[in-house]
Amino acid sequence: VQLQASGGGLVQPGGSLTLACAASERTFMNYGMAWFRQTPGKEREFVVGVSGSGTVTHADSVKDRFTAFREKSKSIFYLQMNSLKPDDTADYYCAATPLMRITTVRDDYLYWGHGTLVTVSS
């Protein structure tokens, strides 16, 4: 099972950015997918996830600003981030869980991509 995240970069406050996570087809079709983020010295935290049935779950801190969706034809999982704030600066990770429902618990996710850094700064 392989996940590869990309799309991080520098963006100004209030701006938008989209991250992508390329997954093997089997992973994509059978697993719940989520994005987490982590800053130095802090725990990795859940951001948003999409279950196998398409249900989207958001962390309160990003609700109404971030969303995630799957492009099944290309086996890619996206994180669309709008109205970015400096506090959103972090390494962002995509992850897959064999559970068809989405959980916010890091240990439920068995497969992880490498982080992609998002920096929100003027």
Protein backbone atom coordinates (compact mmCIF):
# COMPACT_ATOMS: atom_id res chain seq x y z
CA VAL A 1 0.00 0.00 0.00
CA GLN A 2 1.56 3.25 -1.08
CA LEU A 3 0.44 6.81 -0.57
CA GLN A 4 2.21 9.81 -2.02
CA ALA A 5 1.24 13.33 -0.99
CA SER A 6 2.12 16.47 -2.92
CA GLY A 7 1.11 20.09 -3.39
CA GLY A 8 2.49 21.81 -0.30
CA GLY A 9 4.04 25.25 -0.48
CA LEU A 10 3.95 28.84 0.71
CA VAL A 11 0.64 30.67 0.62
CA GLN A 12 -0.50 34.02 1.98
CA PRO A 13 -3.13 34.28 4.72
CA GLY A 14 -6.58 34.08 3.20
CA GLY A 15 -5.30 32.13 0.23
CA SER A 16 -6.11 28.65 -1.03
CA LEU A 17 -4.12 25.52 -1.69
CA THR A 18 -4.94 22.00 -2.82
CA LEU A 19 -3.01 18.93 -1.72
CA ALA A 20 -3.13 15.62 -3.57
CA CYS A 21 -2.53 12.07 -2.38
CA ALA A 22 -1.95 9.39 -5.00
CA ALA A 23 -2.98 5.92 -3.84
CA SER A 24 -2.89 2.44 -5.27
CA GLU A 25 -6.24 1.56 -6.74
CA ARG A 26 -6.93 -1.16 -4.21
CA THR A 27 -6.29 1.20 -1.32
CA PHE A 28 -8.42 3.86 -2.79
CA MET A 29 -11.45 1.70 -3.35
CA ASN A 30 -11.45 -0.22 -0.10
CA TYR A 31 -10.14 2.14 2.56
CA GLY A 32 -11.24 5.22 4.38
CA MET A 33 -8.90 8.12 3.60
CA ALA A 34 -7.96 11.11 5.73
CA TRP A 35 -5.62 14.05 6.07
CA PHE A 36 -3.72 14.76 9.27
CA ARG A 37 -1.30 17.54 10.11
CA GLN A 38 1.54 18.05 12.54
CA THR A 39 3.68 20.91 13.77
CA PRO A 40 6.95 20.54 15.71
CA GLY A 41 6.40 19.48 19.30
CA LYS A 42 2.72 18.69 18.83
CA GLU A 43 0.71 15.54 18.23
CA ARG A 44 -0.41 14.69 14.73
CA GLU A 45 -4.02 15.80 14.47
CA PHE A 46 -6.94 14.80 12.29
CA VAL A 47 -8.02 17.36 9.71
CA VAL A 48 -10.62 15.84 7.38
CA GLY A 49 -11.51 12.40 6.08
CA VAL A 50 -13.71 10.66 3.53
CA SER A 51 -15.19 7.24 4.21
CA GLY A 52 -15.50 4.51 1.63
CA SER A 53 -19.12 5.52 1.12
CA GLY A 54 -18.20 9.18 0.60
CA THR A 55 -19.13 10.65 3.98
CA VAL A 56 -16.89 13.62 4.86
CA THR A 57 -15.82 14.31 8.45
CA HIS A 58 -14.10 17.57 9.42
CA ALA A 59 -12.19 18.70 12.47
CA ASP A 60 -13.92 21.70 14.04
CA SER A 61 -10.88 23.90 13.42
CA VAL A 62 -11.20 23.55 9.63
CA LYS A 63 -14.92 23.14 9.13
CA ASP A 64 -16.28 25.53 6.46
CA ARG A 65 -12.72 26.15 5.20
CA PHE A 66 -11.31 22.74 4.23
CA THR A 67 -12.83 19.81 2.44
CA ALA A 68 -11.61 16.51 1.01
CA PHE A 69 -12.76 14.46 -1.92
CA ARG A 70 -11.77 11.47 -3.98
CA GLU A 71 -11.23 11.38 -7.73
CA LYS A 72 -11.85 7.69 -8.16
CA SER A 73 -10.95 7.54 -11.85
CA LYS A 74 -7.40 8.60 -10.98
CA SER A 75 -7.16 7.10 -7.47
CA ILE A 76 -6.31 10.51 -6.03
CA PHE A 77 -7.47 11.94 -2.74
CA TYR A 78 -7.51 15.73 -2.43
CA LEU A 79 -7.50 18.27 0.36
CA GLN A 80 -8.93 21.62 -0.70
CA MET A 81 -7.94 24.36 1.75
CA ASN A 82 -9.50 27.83 1.63
CA SER A 83 -9.21 30.91 3.84
CA LEU A 84 -5.88 29.70 5.13
CA LYS A 85 -4.54 31.04 8.43
CA PRO A 86 -1.01 31.09 9.85
CA ASP A 87 -2.18 28.47 12.38
CA ASP A 88 -2.73 26.07 9.47
CA THR A 89 1.02 25.94 8.90
CA ALA A 90 2.06 22.29 9.31
CA ASP A 91 3.25 19.15 7.64
CA TYR A 92 0.20 17.51 6.09
CA TYR A 93 -0.08 13.73 5.79
CA CYS A 94 -2.55 11.55 3.96
CA ALA A 95 -3.50 8.25 5.56
CA ALA A 96 -5.61 5.17 4.90
CA THR A 97 -7.63 3.04 7.27
CA PRO A 98 -9.12 -0.38 6.57
CA LEU A 99 -12.18 0.83 8.44
CA MET A 100 -14.81 1.96 5.97
CA ARG A 101 -15.87 4.68 8.39
CA ILE A 102 -13.70 7.66 9.26
CA THR A 103 -12.18 7.98 12.71
CA THR A 104 -10.09 10.79 14.13
CA VAL A 105 -7.79 8.37 15.92
CA ARG A 106 -4.30 8.30 14.48
CA ASP A 107 -3.69 4.65 15.42
CA ASP A 108 -6.64 3.52 13.29
CA TYR A 109 -4.72 4.51 10.17
CA LEU A 110 -2.31 1.83 9.01
CA TYR A 111 -0.80 3.47 5.97
CA TRP A 112 0.76 6.90 5.69
CA GLY A 113 2.25 9.05 2.99
CA HIS A 114 5.21 11.33 3.57
CA GLY A 115 4.33 14.79 4.80
CA THR A 116 4.03 17.80 2.55
CA LEU A 117 4.75 21.16 4.15
CA VAL A 118 2.19 23.96 4.01
CA THR A 119 3.37 27.37 5.18
CA VAL A 120 0.86 30.19 5.59
CA SER A 121 2.68 33.49 5.89
CA SER A 122 2.76 36.95 4.41
